[in-house]
Amino acid sequence: MAIPLQAKKQQENGSKGGQGSDVDGGDDNPSAAEELRELWRMAAPITALNCVVYLRAMVSVLCLGRLGPLDLAGGALAIGLTNITGHSVLFGLASGLEPLCAQAYGSRNYDLLTLSLHRAVLLLAIAAVPIALLWLNVGPILVALGQDPALSASAAAYAAWALPDLAALAVLQPLRVYLRSQGITKPMAACSAAAVALHIPLNFLLVFRMGFGVRGVAAAQALTNTNMVLFLLAYVRWAGACDDTWRGFARPAAVASGLGGLVRLAVPSCIGVCLEWWWYEVVTVLAGYLQNPTAAVGAAGVLIQTTSLMYTVPMALAACVSTRVRIRLGNTSPARHWCQLSKRKRNL
């Protein structure tokens, strides 16, 4: 893969937003207690973020339940299908950005850090196009697969109104990886909490007040993810959290030229994530083949959304451990070692 990770010469600027603890010449051999403290400093906000996202999903399910058994089952079927065909794919592709961002940040290669973010957004935007076409034809596809026509119609309405969510996720997922690689985790949790706080009145307005039903639940989720993007961008802009690492918008030719390297990292990550998600979400789809599909799909949807709470802490720890390791890999790159060796020789 022709994406260099060697350290670049940077100016000795002070870090902002709590950045730089891993790359500013700290202890190369921290104790276990120090590493645990640093890990928990990153993991606690990410755990809070995952819990907030879980609450958003539960609000959507509760609203679907208030609409009635058919809407609950149709919405649950649509949520399972959109997770399988869309959300898992975009999340998996964004996972390929993690080693690039973390190692680029660790080696102070901020040009690559910024360029990788641009490439990831482009990659997810390209992947969202066939996903959108699939979502537009969810109804006929489900009927052809033998699902109940009434449930299929409800799921098709949800999927059609969830299309804007693909555009929001194409920016949100890479942006989260970009910020997490720099240790900017507390603002992510705060911005997500603010967006989810608005998710409740959005659901009330769109689902019940304006009478959109299942379509309103999908629209509210898309608007909530859009609000998360806007809040994060506003924080980065006005707090100056990434002033030391952001290198501006890259030329389209530079972004497209290295897209193949990112694809080679993103596709295996996507396959692994999809396999983890699909075996779980496919239960909702398979419930539609039971004798009473309305009750079965509704129950399966509620069960899956409830049990997903147990994954919030392990997922946060796994993401933060992965980020810490990759930052260390970038921080202890050959170029970094060469610089340290040169300094020692000069001191001698």
Protein backbone atom coordinates (compact mmCIF):
# COMPACT_ATOMS: atom_id res chain seq x y z
CA MET A 1 0.00 0.00 0.00
CA ALA A 2 1.53 3.26 -1.14
CA ILE A 3 0.51 5.37 1.86
CA PRO A 4 3.58 6.50 3.81
CA LEU A 5 3.38 6.71 7.57
CA GLN A 6 6.79 8.15 8.32
CA ALA A 7 6.91 11.13 10.61
CA LYS A 8 6.96 14.57 9.09
CA LYS A 9 8.74 17.56 10.48
CA GLN A 10 6.30 19.64 12.50
CA GLN A 11 6.57 22.97 14.25
CA GLU A 12 6.82 22.89 18.03
CA ASN A 13 3.31 24.23 18.63
CA GLY A 14 1.29 23.71 21.77
CA SER A 15 -1.48 21.17 21.47
CA LYS A 16 -5.13 22.12 21.81
CA GLY A 17 -8.13 20.23 23.11
CA GLY A 18 -6.09 17.80 25.14
CA GLN A 19 -4.12 16.55 22.14
CA GLY A 20 -0.52 15.54 22.01
CA SER A 21 -0.24 13.40 25.11
CA ASP A 22 0.98 10.51 22.99
CA VAL A 23 3.21 12.29 20.53
CA ASP A 24 4.95 15.09 22.37
CA GLY A 25 7.85 13.10 23.66
CA GLY A 26 6.27 11.60 26.74
CA ASP A 27 7.32 8.42 28.46
CA ASP A 28 7.90 5.71 25.84
CA ASN A 29 7.46 2.99 28.48
CA PRO A 30 4.49 4.00 30.66
CA SER A 31 3.51 1.90 33.64
CA ALA A 32 0.42 -0.29 33.59
CA ALA A 33 -1.39 2.12 35.91
CA GLU A 34 -0.60 5.10 33.67
CA GLU A 35 -1.76 3.23 30.58
CA LEU A 36 -4.99 2.18 32.32
CA ARG A 37 -5.68 5.77 33.35
CA GLU A 38 -5.11 6.97 29.80
CA LEU A 39 -7.26 4.18 28.41
CA TRP A 40 -10.11 4.95 30.79
CA ARG A 41 -9.83 8.65 29.96
CA MET A 42 -10.65 7.72 26.37
CA ALA A 43 -13.04 4.85 27.05
CA ALA A 44 -15.37 6.58 29.52
CA PRO A 45 -16.65 9.20 27.04
CA ILE A 46 -16.90 6.59 24.27
CA THR A 47 -18.96 4.37 26.60
CA ALA A 48 -21.21 7.33 27.34
CA LEU A 49 -21.51 7.98 23.60
CA ASN A 50 -22.52 4.36 22.94
CA CYS A 51 -25.12 4.55 25.71
CA VAL A 52 -26.51 7.74 24.20
CA VAL A 53 -26.76 6.11 20.78
CA TYR A 54 -28.51 3.17 22.44
CA LEU A 55 -31.05 5.55 24.01
CA ARG A 56 -31.72 7.03 20.56
CA ALA A 57 -32.53 3.56 19.22
CA MET A 58 -34.77 2.80 22.19
CA VAL A 59 -36.71 6.03 21.69
CA SER A 60 -37.33 5.02 18.08
CA VAL A 61 -38.55 1.56 19.14
CA LEU A 62 -40.82 3.04 21.82
CA CYS A 63 -42.37 5.38 19.25
CA LEU A 64 -42.92 2.48 16.88
CA GLY A 65 -44.59 0.53 19.68
CA ARG A 66 -46.97 3.41 20.35
CA LEU A 67 -48.07 3.31 16.71
CA GLY A 68 -49.30 -0.26 16.94
CA PRO A 69 -48.20 -3.88 16.35
CA LEU A 70 -48.00 -3.58 12.56
CA ASP A 71 -45.89 -0.43 12.61
CA LEU A 72 -43.66 -1.87 15.34
CA ALA A 73 -43.05 -5.02 13.31
CA GLY A 74 -42.57 -3.15 10.03
CA GLY A 75 -40.22 -0.65 11.63
CA ALA A 76 -38.24 -3.39 13.37
CA LEU A 77 -37.93 -5.27 10.08
CA ALA A 78 -36.74 -2.09 8.36
CA ILE A 79 -34.24 -1.31 11.13
CA GLY A 80 -32.79 -4.81 10.86
CA LEU A 81 -32.62 -4.60 7.07
CA THR A 82 -31.04 -1.13 7.01
CA ASN A 83 -28.50 -2.22 9.61
CA ILE A 84 -27.59 -5.26 7.51
CA THR A 85 -27.40 -3.53 4.13
CA GLY A 86 -26.31 -0.03 5.10
CA HIS A 87 -25.20 0.90 8.60
CA SER A 88 -22.93 -2.12 9.07
CA VAL A 89 -21.30 -1.53 5.68
CA LEU A 90 -20.57 2.15 6.33
CA PHE A 91 -19.38 1.46 9.87
CA GLY A 92 -17.11 -1.32 8.61
CA LEU A 93 -15.63 0.81 5.84
CA ALA A 94 -14.96 3.62 8.32
CA SER A 95 -13.09 1.13 10.51
CA GLY A 96 -10.43 0.94 7.82
CA LEU A 97 -9.62 4.57 8.61
CA GLU A 98 -8.60 3.78 12.20
CA PRO A 99 -5.06 2.46 11.61
CA LEU A 100 -4.26 5.31 9.22
CA CYS A 101 -5.51 8.10 11.50
CA ALA A 102 -4.05 6.70 14.72
CA GLN A 103 -0.61 5.95 13.27
CA ALA A 104 -0.53 9.22 11.32
CA TYR A 105 -1.33 11.12 14.50
CA GLY A 106 1.25 9.15 16.48
CA SER A 107 3.95 9.89 13.91
CA ARG A 108 2.86 13.54 13.57
CA ASN A 109 2.03 13.08 9.91
CA TYR A 110 -0.88 15.49 10.05
CA ASP A 111 -1.07 15.85 6.27
CA LEU A 112 -1.86 12.14 6.00
CA LEU A 113 -4.27 12.42 8.93
CA THR A 114 -6.33 15.08 7.14
CA LEU A 115 -6.06 13.42 3.75
CA SER A 116 -7.25 10.09 5.16
CA LEU A 117 -10.38 11.74 6.54
CA HIS A 118 -11.18 13.17 3.10
CA ARG A 119 -10.65 9.80 1.43
CA ALA A 120 -12.85 8.00 3.96
CA VAL A 121 -15.71 10.45 3.41
CA LEU A 122 -15.39 9.98 -0.35
CA LEU A 123 -15.30 6.20 0.00
CA LEU A 124 -18.41 6.10 2.19
CA ALA A 125 -20.24 8.49 -0.13
CA ILE A 126 -19.52 6.20 -3.07
CA ALA A 127 -20.64 3.14 -1.11
CA ALA A 128 -23.86 4.92 -0.11
CA VAL A 129 -25.06 5.14 -3.72
CA PRO A 130 -25.80 1.41 -4.29
CA ILE A 131 -27.13 1.17 -0.73
CA ALA A 132 -29.61 3.96 -1.49
CA LEU A 133 -30.77 2.17 -4.64
CA LEU A 134 -31.31 -0.98 -2.59
CA TRP A 135 -33.32 0.86 0.04
CA LEU A 136 -35.56 2.37 -2.61
CA ASN A 137 -36.54 -1.15 -3.70
CA VAL A 138 -36.88 -2.73 -0.25
CA GLY A 139 -40.62 -3.40 -0.63
CA PRO A 140 -40.50 -5.56 -3.78
CA ILE A 141 -37.35 -7.32 -2.54
CA LEU A 142 -38.97 -8.32 0.77
CA VAL A 143 -42.12 -9.53 -0.96
CA ALA A 144 -40.00 -11.56 -3.39
CA LEU A 145 -38.22 -13.11 -0.39
CA GLY A 146 -41.54 -14.25 1.04
CA GLN A 147 -42.08 -11.61 3.73
CA ASP A 148 -45.57 -10.46 4.69
CA PRO A 149 -46.78 -7.78 2.22
CA ALA A 150 -48.09 -5.49 4.98
CA LEU A 151 -44.79 -5.66 6.87
CA SER A 152 -42.88 -5.15 3.62
CA ALA A 153 -44.85 -1.99 2.83
CA SER A 154 -44.18 -0.55 6.27
CA ALA A 155 -40.48 -1.43 6.02
CA ALA A 156 -40.28 0.14 2.54
CA ALA A 157 -41.73 3.41 3.86
CA TYR A 158 -39.15 3.48 6.67
CA ALA A 159 -36.23 2.72 4.33
CA ALA A 160 -37.24 5.41 1.83
CA TRP A 161 -37.40 8.09 4.51
CA ALA A 162 -34.09 6.90 6.02
CA LEU A 163 -32.12 7.73 2.85
CA PRO A 164 -30.77 11.07 4.22
CA ASP A 165 -29.22 9.05 7.04
CA LEU A 166 -26.72 7.60 4.55
CA ALA A 167 -25.38 11.07 3.75
CA ALA A 168 -25.07 11.91 7.44
CA LEU A 169 -23.28 8.65 8.26
CA ALA A 170 -20.85 9.11 5.37
CA VAL A 171 -19.49 12.13 7.27
CA LEU A 172 -20.23 11.13 10.87
CA GLN A 173 -18.42 7.78 10.96
CA PRO A 174 -15.07 9.04 9.54
CA LEU A 175 -15.30 12.17 11.68
CA ARG A 176 -15.64 10.08 14.83
CA VAL A 177 -12.57 8.03 13.93
CA TYR A 178 -10.63 11.20 13.11
CA LEU A 179 -11.44 12.78 16.49
CA ARG A 180 -11.01 9.60 18.53
CA SER A 181 -7.53 9.06 17.10
CA GLN A 182 -6.58 12.44 18.61
CA GLY A 183 -8.11 11.67 22.00
CA ILE A 184 -11.02 14.08 21.48
CA THR A 185 -13.68 11.87 23.05
CA LYS A 186 -15.52 13.99 25.62
CA PRO A 187 -16.80 16.47 23.01
CA MET A 188 -18.08 13.56 20.93
CA ALA A 189 -20.12 12.29 23.88
CA ALA A 190 -21.41 15.79 24.65
CA CYS A 191 -22.42 16.48 21.05
CA SER A 192 -24.16 13.11 20.79
CA ALA A 193 -26.03 13.76 24.05
CA ALA A 194 -27.21 17.13 22.73
CA ALA A 195 -28.40 15.56 19.48
CA VAL A 196 -30.24 12.74 21.28
CA ALA A 197 -31.87 15.28 23.60
CA LEU A 198 -33.43 16.79 20.46
CA HIS A 199 -34.30 13.31 19.18
CA ILE A 200 -37.20 12.97 21.61
CA PRO A 201 -39.07 16.16 20.57
CA LEU A 202 -38.27 15.39 16.91
CA ASN A 203 -39.99 12.01 17.21
CA PHE A 204 -42.97 13.53 18.99
CA LEU A 205 -43.31 16.21 16.31
CA LEU A 206 -42.81 14.02 13.23
CA VAL A 207 -44.42 10.77 14.39
CA PHE A 208 -47.42 11.93 16.39
CA ARG A 209 -47.96 15.64 15.85
CA MET A 210 -47.52 15.63 12.07
CA GLY A 211 -48.78 12.06 11.70
CA PHE A 212 -45.93 10.63 9.63
CA GLY A 213 -45.87 7.39 11.63
CA VAL A 214 -43.10 4.98 10.64
CA ARG A 215 -41.76 7.50 8.14
CA GLY A 216 -41.42 10.05 10.94
CA VAL A 217 -39.32 7.64 13.01
CA ALA A 218 -36.91 7.21 10.09
CA ALA A 219 -36.78 10.95 9.43
CA ALA A 220 -36.13 11.70 13.10
CA GLN A 221 -33.19 9.29 13.17
CA ALA A 222 -31.70 10.85 10.04
CA LEU A 223 -32.11 14.35 11.49
CA THR A 224 -30.50 13.27 14.76
CA ASN A 225 -27.42 11.91 12.99
CA THR A 226 -27.28 15.11 10.95
CA ASN A 227 -27.40 17.13 14.17
CA MET A 228 -24.50 15.05 15.53
CA VAL A 229 -22.44 15.97 12.47
CA LEU A 230 -23.32 19.65 12.74
CA PHE A 231 -22.58 19.78 16.48
CA LEU A 232 -19.20 18.07 16.03
CA LEU A 233 -18.22 20.35 13.16
CA ALA A 234 -19.29 23.39 15.16
CA TYR A 235 -17.19 22.25 18.13
CA VAL A 236 -14.13 21.61 15.97
CA ARG A 237 -14.56 24.99 14.29
CA TRP A 238 -15.18 27.19 17.29
CA ALA A 239 -13.16 25.36 19.96
CA GLY A 240 -10.11 25.04 17.69
CA ALA A 241 -9.65 21.44 18.79
CA CYS A 242 -7.96 20.39 15.55
CA ASP A 243 -6.09 23.57 14.66
CA ASP A 244 -2.73 21.80 15.04
CA THR A 245 -3.69 18.74 12.97
CA TRP A 246 -6.12 20.02 10.33
CA ARG A 247 -4.39 20.83 7.05
CA GLY A 248 -7.35 22.21 5.14
CA PHE A 249 -9.33 20.72 2.30
CA ALA A 250 -7.19 18.66 -0.05
CA ARG A 251 -7.25 18.80 -3.83
CA PRO A 252 -9.68 16.28 -5.37
CA ALA A 253 -6.83 14.69 -7.33
CA ALA A 254 -4.84 14.08 -4.14
CA VAL A 255 -7.88 12.55 -2.44
CA ALA A 256 -8.70 10.24 -5.32
CA SER A 257 -5.11 9.17 -5.95
CA GLY A 258 -4.76 7.35 -2.63
CA LEU A 259 -8.27 5.95 -2.44
CA GLY A 260 -7.12 2.48 -3.48
CA GLY A 261 -4.86 2.14 -0.44
CA LEU A 262 -7.72 3.00 1.88
CA VAL A 263 -10.00 0.53 0.09
CA ARG A 264 -7.50 -2.27 0.68
CA LEU A 265 -7.70 -1.55 4.41
CA ALA A 266 -11.43 -0.80 4.56
CA VAL A 267 -12.83 -3.82 2.72
CA PRO A 268 -11.41 -6.50 5.10
CA SER A 269 -12.54 -4.38 8.07
CA CYS A 270 -15.98 -4.06 6.51
CA ILE A 271 -16.26 -7.82 6.01
CA GLY A 272 -15.36 -8.49 9.65
CA VAL A 273 -17.83 -5.91 10.98
CA CYS A 274 -20.63 -7.10 8.69
CA LEU A 275 -20.20 -10.71 9.78
CA GLU A 276 -20.47 -9.61 13.41
CA TRP A 277 -23.57 -7.52 12.76
CA TRP A 278 -25.42 -9.77 10.33
CA TRP A 279 -25.69 -12.88 12.47
CA TYR A 280 -27.39 -10.74 15.12
CA GLU A 281 -29.64 -8.54 12.97
CA VAL A 282 -30.70 -11.38 10.65
CA VAL A 283 -32.83 -12.77 13.52
CA THR A 284 -35.33 -9.96 12.96
CA VAL A 285 -35.58 -10.75 9.25
CA LEU A 286 -35.95 -14.49 9.88
CA ALA A 287 -38.73 -13.82 12.40
CA GLY A 288 -40.85 -12.63 9.48
CA TYR A 289 -41.15 -16.23 8.28
CA LEU A 290 -42.86 -17.45 11.45
CA GLN A 291 -46.60 -18.15 11.68
CA ASN A 292 -47.48 -14.78 13.24
CA PRO A 293 -44.91 -12.48 11.58
CA THR A 294 -46.28 -9.26 13.07
CA ALA A 295 -45.86 -10.41 16.67
CA ALA A 296 -42.62 -12.30 15.98
CA VAL A 297 -40.83 -9.46 14.19
CA GLY A 298 -41.98 -6.90 16.76
CA ALA A 299 -40.76 -9.05 19.65
CA ALA A 300 -37.45 -9.76 17.94
CA GLY A 301 -36.90 -6.07 17.28
CA VAL A 302 -37.54 -5.10 20.89
CA LEU A 303 -35.33 -7.94 22.13
CA ILE A 304 -32.39 -7.03 19.89
CA GLN A 305 -32.56 -3.34 20.76
CA THR A 306 -32.69 -4.19 24.47
CA THR A 307 -29.83 -6.69 24.49
CA SER A 308 -27.60 -4.39 22.43
CA LEU A 309 -26.98 -2.42 25.64
CA MET A 310 -24.54 -5.11 26.79
CA TYR A 311 -22.19 -4.25 23.91
CA THR A 312 -21.69 -0.58 24.82
CA VAL A 313 -18.79 -1.04 27.26
CA PRO A 314 -16.88 -3.80 25.38
CA MET A 315 -17.13 -1.89 22.10
CA ALA A 316 -15.81 1.30 23.71
CA LEU A 317 -12.88 -0.51 25.32
CA ALA A 318 -12.04 -2.34 22.10
CA ALA A 319 -12.06 0.86 20.06
CA CYS A 320 -9.90 2.75 22.57
CA VAL A 321 -7.38 -0.09 23.00
CA SER A 322 -7.06 -0.31 19.22
CA THR A 323 -6.53 3.44 18.97
CA ARG A 324 -3.92 3.47 21.78
CA VAL A 325 -1.94 0.64 20.18
CA ARG A 326 -1.95 2.28 16.77
CA ILE A 327 -0.90 5.65 18.17
CA ARG A 328 2.03 3.88 19.87
CA LEU A 329 2.92 2.19 16.59
CA GLY A 330 3.02 5.56 14.88
CA ASN A 331 4.87 7.16 17.78
CA THR A 332 7.54 4.43 17.72
CA SER A 333 7.94 4.31 13.94
CA PRO A 334 11.46 3.93 12.47
CA ALA A 335 11.56 7.62 11.69
CA ARG A 336 10.67 8.43 15.30
CA HIS A 337 13.40 6.11 16.59
CA TRP A 338 15.91 7.70 14.21
CA CYS A 339 15.10 11.15 15.57
CA GLN A 340 15.52 9.95 19.15
CA LEU A 341 18.82 8.25 18.29
CA SER A 342 20.13 11.41 16.64
CA LYS A 343 19.26 13.44 19.74
CA ARG A 344 21.11 10.96 21.97
CA LYS A 345 24.20 11.09 19.75
CA ARG A 346 24.21 14.87 19.89
CA ASN A 347 23.95 14.75 23.69
CA LEU A 348 26.97 12.43 23.81
